Amino acid sequence: MCRNIRQLHNFEPPATTSEVEAAALQYVRKVSGSTKPSQANQAAFDEAVREVAAATQRLLDALVTSAPPKDREVEAAKARARSAERYGRAAG
């Protein structure tokens, strides 16, 4: 759906509140079709972001896995390498 929303589950250290809120904001932007709502819609937009962030945090808190946690730096390096391969640039 939205390439800017990243996986937040099973990382060490766990996802921060700001990461959860950023994912919620991206989701609400995508669903609403608006990156900057009008003044008339701002309150509804902000409330939706808060509710999605809260639901996301509850989900992350409830999920269980037997897989070892992923390392953020290792996963970021993998993503850079995939991007470099896809777009023909040197990974950096």
N, C-alpha and C. Protein backbone atom coordinates (compact mmCIF):
# COMPACT_ATOMS: atom_id res chain seq x y z
N MET A 1 0.83 -1.19 0.00
CA MET A 1 0.00 0.00 0.00
C MET A 1 0.87 1.24 0.00
N CYS A 2 1.47 1.56 1.10
CA CYS A 2 2.25 2.80 1.21
C CYS A 2 3.69 2.43 1.53
N ARG A 3 4.60 2.75 0.64
CA ARG A 3 5.99 2.34 0.83
C ARG A 3 6.65 3.03 2.01
N ASN A 4 6.09 4.12 2.50
CA ASN A 4 6.71 4.83 3.61
C ASN A 4 6.38 4.21 4.97
N ILE A 5 5.44 3.30 5.01
CA ILE A 5 5.12 2.63 6.26
C ILE A 5 6.04 1.42 6.37
N ARG A 6 6.83 1.40 7.43
CA ARG A 6 7.81 0.34 7.63
C ARG A 6 7.33 -0.65 8.69
N GLN A 7 7.85 -1.87 8.59
CA GLN A 7 7.56 -2.87 9.61
C GLN A 7 8.09 -2.37 10.95
N LEU A 8 7.29 -2.51 11.98
CA LEU A 8 7.68 -2.04 13.31
C LEU A 8 7.82 -3.17 14.32
N HIS A 9 7.34 -4.35 13.97
CA HIS A 9 7.34 -5.48 14.91
C HIS A 9 8.66 -6.22 14.90
N ASN A 10 9.07 -6.67 16.07
CA ASN A 10 10.21 -7.56 16.27
C ASN A 10 11.55 -6.91 15.94
N PHE A 11 11.74 -5.69 16.40
CA PHE A 11 13.03 -5.03 16.27
C PHE A 11 13.62 -4.79 17.65
N GLU A 12 14.92 -4.73 17.69
CA GLU A 12 15.63 -4.39 18.92
C GLU A 12 16.48 -3.17 18.63
N PRO A 13 16.28 -2.05 19.27
CA PRO A 13 15.26 -1.80 20.28
C PRO A 13 13.87 -1.70 19.65
N PRO A 14 12.82 -1.86 20.47
CA PRO A 14 11.45 -1.82 19.96
C PRO A 14 11.13 -0.48 19.30
N ALA A 15 10.07 -0.47 18.51
CA ALA A 15 9.62 0.75 17.84
C ALA A 15 9.34 1.84 18.87
N THR A 16 9.73 3.05 18.54
CA THR A 16 9.49 4.19 19.42
C THR A 16 8.09 4.74 19.17
N THR A 17 7.63 5.57 20.10
CA THR A 17 6.34 6.23 19.95
C THR A 17 6.32 7.06 18.68
N SER A 18 7.41 7.75 18.39
CA SER A 18 7.43 8.59 17.19
C SER A 18 7.37 7.75 15.92
N GLU A 19 7.96 6.56 15.90
CA GLU A 19 7.85 5.68 14.74
C GLU A 19 6.42 5.19 14.54
N VAL A 20 5.76 4.86 15.64
CA VAL A 20 4.36 4.43 15.57
C VAL A 20 3.49 5.58 15.06
N GLU A 21 3.72 6.76 15.59
CA GLU A 21 2.94 7.93 15.16
C GLU A 21 3.19 8.27 13.69
N ALA A 22 4.44 8.15 13.24
CA ALA A 22 4.76 8.42 11.83
C ALA A 22 4.05 7.42 10.91
N ALA A 23 4.02 6.16 11.30
CA ALA A 23 3.31 5.15 10.51
C ALA A 23 1.82 5.45 10.48
N ALA A 24 1.26 5.85 11.62
CA ALA A 24 -0.16 6.20 11.68
C ALA A 24 -0.46 7.39 10.78
N LEU A 25 0.39 8.38 10.81
CA LEU A 25 0.21 9.56 9.97
C LEU A 25 0.23 9.18 8.49
N GLN A 26 1.19 8.34 8.09
CA GLN A 26 1.27 7.90 6.70
C GLN A 26 0.01 7.13 6.29
N TYR A 27 -0.48 6.28 7.19
CA TYR A 27 -1.68 5.51 6.90
C TYR A 27 -2.88 6.44 6.71
N VAL A 28 -3.08 7.38 7.62
CA VAL A 28 -4.22 8.29 7.52
C VAL A 28 -4.10 9.17 6.27
N ARG A 29 -2.91 9.61 5.95
CA ARG A 29 -2.71 10.38 4.71
C ARG A 29 -3.12 9.56 3.50
N LYS A 30 -2.71 8.30 3.46
CA LYS A 30 -3.02 7.44 2.33
C LYS A 30 -4.52 7.21 2.22
N VAL A 31 -5.16 6.85 3.33
CA VAL A 31 -6.58 6.54 3.32
C VAL A 31 -7.41 7.77 2.99
N SER A 32 -7.02 8.92 3.53
CA SER A 32 -7.80 10.14 3.30
C SER A 32 -7.50 10.78 1.95
N GLY A 33 -6.37 10.43 1.36
CA GLY A 33 -5.99 11.04 0.09
C GLY A 33 -5.48 12.46 0.24
N SER A 34 -5.06 12.79 1.47
CA SER A 34 -4.64 14.17 1.74
C SER A 34 -3.40 14.18 2.61
N THR A 35 -2.38 14.89 2.17
CA THR A 35 -1.18 15.03 3.01
C THR A 35 -1.34 16.18 3.99
N LYS A 36 -2.17 17.15 3.64
CA LYS A 36 -2.43 18.30 4.51
C LYS A 36 -3.92 18.59 4.45
N PRO A 37 -4.66 18.17 5.48
CA PRO A 37 -6.11 18.37 5.45
C PRO A 37 -6.48 19.85 5.56
N SER A 38 -7.67 20.17 5.10
CA SER A 38 -8.17 21.54 5.24
C SER A 38 -8.44 21.82 6.71
N GLN A 39 -8.59 23.08 7.05
CA GLN A 39 -8.90 23.44 8.43
C GLN A 39 -10.17 22.76 8.91
N ALA A 40 -11.14 22.62 8.02
CA ALA A 40 -12.41 21.99 8.37
C ALA A 40 -12.22 20.51 8.74
N ASN A 41 -11.21 19.88 8.18
CA ASN A 41 -10.98 18.45 8.42
C ASN A 41 -9.83 18.16 9.37
N GLN A 42 -9.12 19.18 9.83
CA GLN A 42 -7.92 18.98 10.65
C GLN A 42 -8.20 18.19 11.92
N ALA A 43 -9.28 18.52 12.62
CA ALA A 43 -9.59 17.83 13.89
C ALA A 43 -9.86 16.35 13.64
N ALA A 44 -10.63 16.04 12.60
CA ALA A 44 -10.92 14.63 12.29
C ALA A 44 -9.65 13.89 11.88
N PHE A 45 -8.80 14.55 11.11
CA PHE A 45 -7.54 13.98 10.67
C PHE A 45 -6.65 13.67 11.87
N ASP A 46 -6.49 14.64 12.76
CA ASP A 46 -5.65 14.47 13.95
C ASP A 46 -6.17 13.36 14.86
N GLU A 47 -7.48 13.29 15.02
CA GLU A 47 -8.08 12.25 15.85
C GLU A 47 -7.85 10.87 15.23
N ALA A 48 -7.97 10.78 13.91
CA ALA A 48 -7.72 9.51 13.23
C ALA A 48 -6.27 9.07 13.44
N VAL A 49 -5.33 10.00 13.34
CA VAL A 49 -3.92 9.66 13.56
C VAL A 49 -3.72 9.14 14.98
N ARG A 50 -4.31 9.81 15.97
CA ARG A 50 -4.19 9.35 17.36
C ARG A 50 -4.77 7.95 17.54
N GLU A 51 -5.95 7.71 16.97
CA GLU A 51 -6.59 6.40 17.12
C GLU A 51 -5.80 5.30 16.42
N VAL A 52 -5.30 5.57 15.23
CA VAL A 52 -4.51 4.56 14.51
C VAL A 52 -3.20 4.29 15.26
N ALA A 53 -2.57 5.32 15.78
CA ALA A 53 -1.33 5.13 16.54
C ALA A 53 -1.59 4.28 17.79
N ALA A 54 -2.69 4.56 18.48
CA ALA A 54 -3.02 3.79 19.69
C ALA A 54 -3.30 2.33 19.33
N ALA A 55 -4.06 2.09 18.26
CA ALA A 55 -4.35 0.72 17.83
C ALA A 55 -3.07 0.00 17.41
N THR A 56 -2.20 0.72 16.72
CA THR A 56 -0.93 0.14 16.29
C THR A 56 -0.08 -0.25 17.49
N GLN A 57 -0.01 0.62 18.48
CA GLN A 57 0.79 0.31 19.67
C GLN A 57 0.22 -0.89 20.41
N ARG A 58 -1.11 -0.97 20.52
CA ARG A 58 -1.73 -2.14 21.17
C ARG A 58 -1.39 -3.41 20.41
N LEU A 59 -1.43 -3.34 19.08
CA LEU A 59 -1.09 -4.50 18.27
C LEU A 59 0.36 -4.91 18.51
N LEU A 60 1.28 -3.96 18.44
CA LEU A 60 2.69 -4.29 18.65
C LEU A 60 2.94 -4.87 20.03
N ASP A 61 2.24 -4.35 21.03
CA ASP A 61 2.40 -4.85 22.40
C ASP A 61 1.87 -6.28 22.55
N ALA A 62 0.87 -6.65 21.74
CA ALA A 62 0.23 -7.95 21.87
C ALA A 62 0.87 -9.04 21.02
N LEU A 63 1.59 -8.66 19.98
CA LEU A 63 2.19 -9.66 19.09
C LEU A 63 3.28 -10.44 19.80
N VAL A 64 3.34 -11.74 19.51
CA VAL A 64 4.40 -12.59 20.05
C VAL A 64 5.07 -13.31 18.88
N THR A 65 6.33 -13.63 19.06
CA THR A 65 7.07 -14.34 18.03
C THR A 65 8.19 -15.14 18.68
N SER A 66 8.56 -16.22 18.03
CA SER A 66 9.71 -16.99 18.51
C SER A 66 10.97 -16.63 17.73
N ALA A 67 10.81 -15.78 16.71
CA ALA A 67 11.96 -15.36 15.91
C ALA A 67 12.81 -14.37 16.71
N PRO A 68 14.11 -14.40 16.50
CA PRO A 68 14.96 -13.43 17.19
C PRO A 68 14.68 -12.02 16.66
N PRO A 69 14.83 -11.00 17.52
CA PRO A 69 14.59 -9.63 17.06
C PRO A 69 15.56 -9.24 15.95
N LYS A 70 15.08 -8.40 15.05
CA LYS A 70 15.91 -7.91 13.95
C LYS A 70 16.70 -6.70 14.43
N ASP A 71 17.88 -6.54 13.86
CA ASP A 71 18.73 -5.39 14.16
C ASP A 71 18.42 -4.29 13.16
N ARG A 72 18.10 -3.11 13.64
CA ARG A 72 17.71 -2.01 12.76
C ARG A 72 18.79 -1.66 11.75
N GLU A 73 20.04 -1.63 12.18
CA GLU A 73 21.14 -1.26 11.28
C GLU A 73 21.33 -2.30 10.18
N VAL A 74 21.23 -3.57 10.53
CA VAL A 74 21.37 -4.64 9.54
C VAL A 74 20.24 -4.55 8.52
N GLU A 75 19.02 -4.36 8.99
CA GLU A 75 17.87 -4.25 8.08
C GLU A 75 17.98 -3.01 7.19
N ALA A 76 18.47 -1.91 7.73
CA ALA A 76 18.66 -0.69 6.94
C ALA A 76 19.71 -0.91 5.86
N ALA A 77 20.78 -1.61 6.19
CA ALA A 77 21.83 -1.91 5.20
C ALA A 77 21.27 -2.79 4.09
N LYS A 78 20.44 -3.77 4.45
CA LYS A 78 19.82 -4.63 3.44
C LYS A 78 18.94 -3.80 2.50
N ALA A 79 18.17 -2.89 3.08
CA ALA A 79 17.28 -2.03 2.28
C ALA A 79 18.09 -1.15 1.33
N ARG A 80 19.20 -0.60 1.82
CA ARG A 80 20.06 0.23 0.96
C ARG A 80 20.62 -0.60 -0.19
N ALA A 81 21.03 -1.83 0.10
CA ALA A 81 21.59 -2.70 -0.93
C ALA A 81 20.52 -3.04 -1.97
N ARG A 82 19.29 -3.34 -1.52
CA ARG A 82 18.21 -3.63 -2.47
C ARG A 82 17.93 -2.41 -3.35
N SER A 83 17.93 -1.23 -2.75
CA SER A 83 17.68 0.00 -3.49
C SER A 83 18.78 0.24 -4.51
N ALA A 84 20.02 0.04 -4.11
CA ALA A 84 21.15 0.24 -5.03
C ALA A 84 21.05 -0.72 -6.21
N GLU A 85 20.68 -1.96 -5.93
CA GLU A 85 20.53 -2.94 -7.00
C GLU A 85 19.37 -2.56 -7.92
N ARG A 86 18.28 -2.14 -7.33
CA ARG A 86 17.08 -1.78 -8.12
C ARG A 86 17.33 -0.57 -9.00
N TYR A 87 18.02 0.44 -8.46
CA TYR A 87 18.19 1.69 -9.18
C TYR A 87 19.58 1.89 -9.76
N GLY A 88 20.44 0.87 -9.65
CA GLY A 88 21.74 0.91 -10.28
C GLY A 88 22.72 1.90 -9.66
N ARG A 89 22.62 2.12 -8.36
CA ARG A 89 23.52 3.04 -7.65
C ARG A 89 24.37 2.24 -6.68
N ALA A 90 25.47 2.85 -6.29
CA ALA A 90 26.31 2.23 -5.27
C ALA A 90 25.64 2.38 -3.92
N ALA A 91 25.62 1.30 -3.14
CA ALA A 91 25.03 1.35 -1.80
C ALA A 91 25.93 2.19 -0.91
N GLY A 92 25.30 3.02 -0.06
CA GLY A 92 26.12 3.88 0.78
C GLY A 92 25.47 4.26 1.96
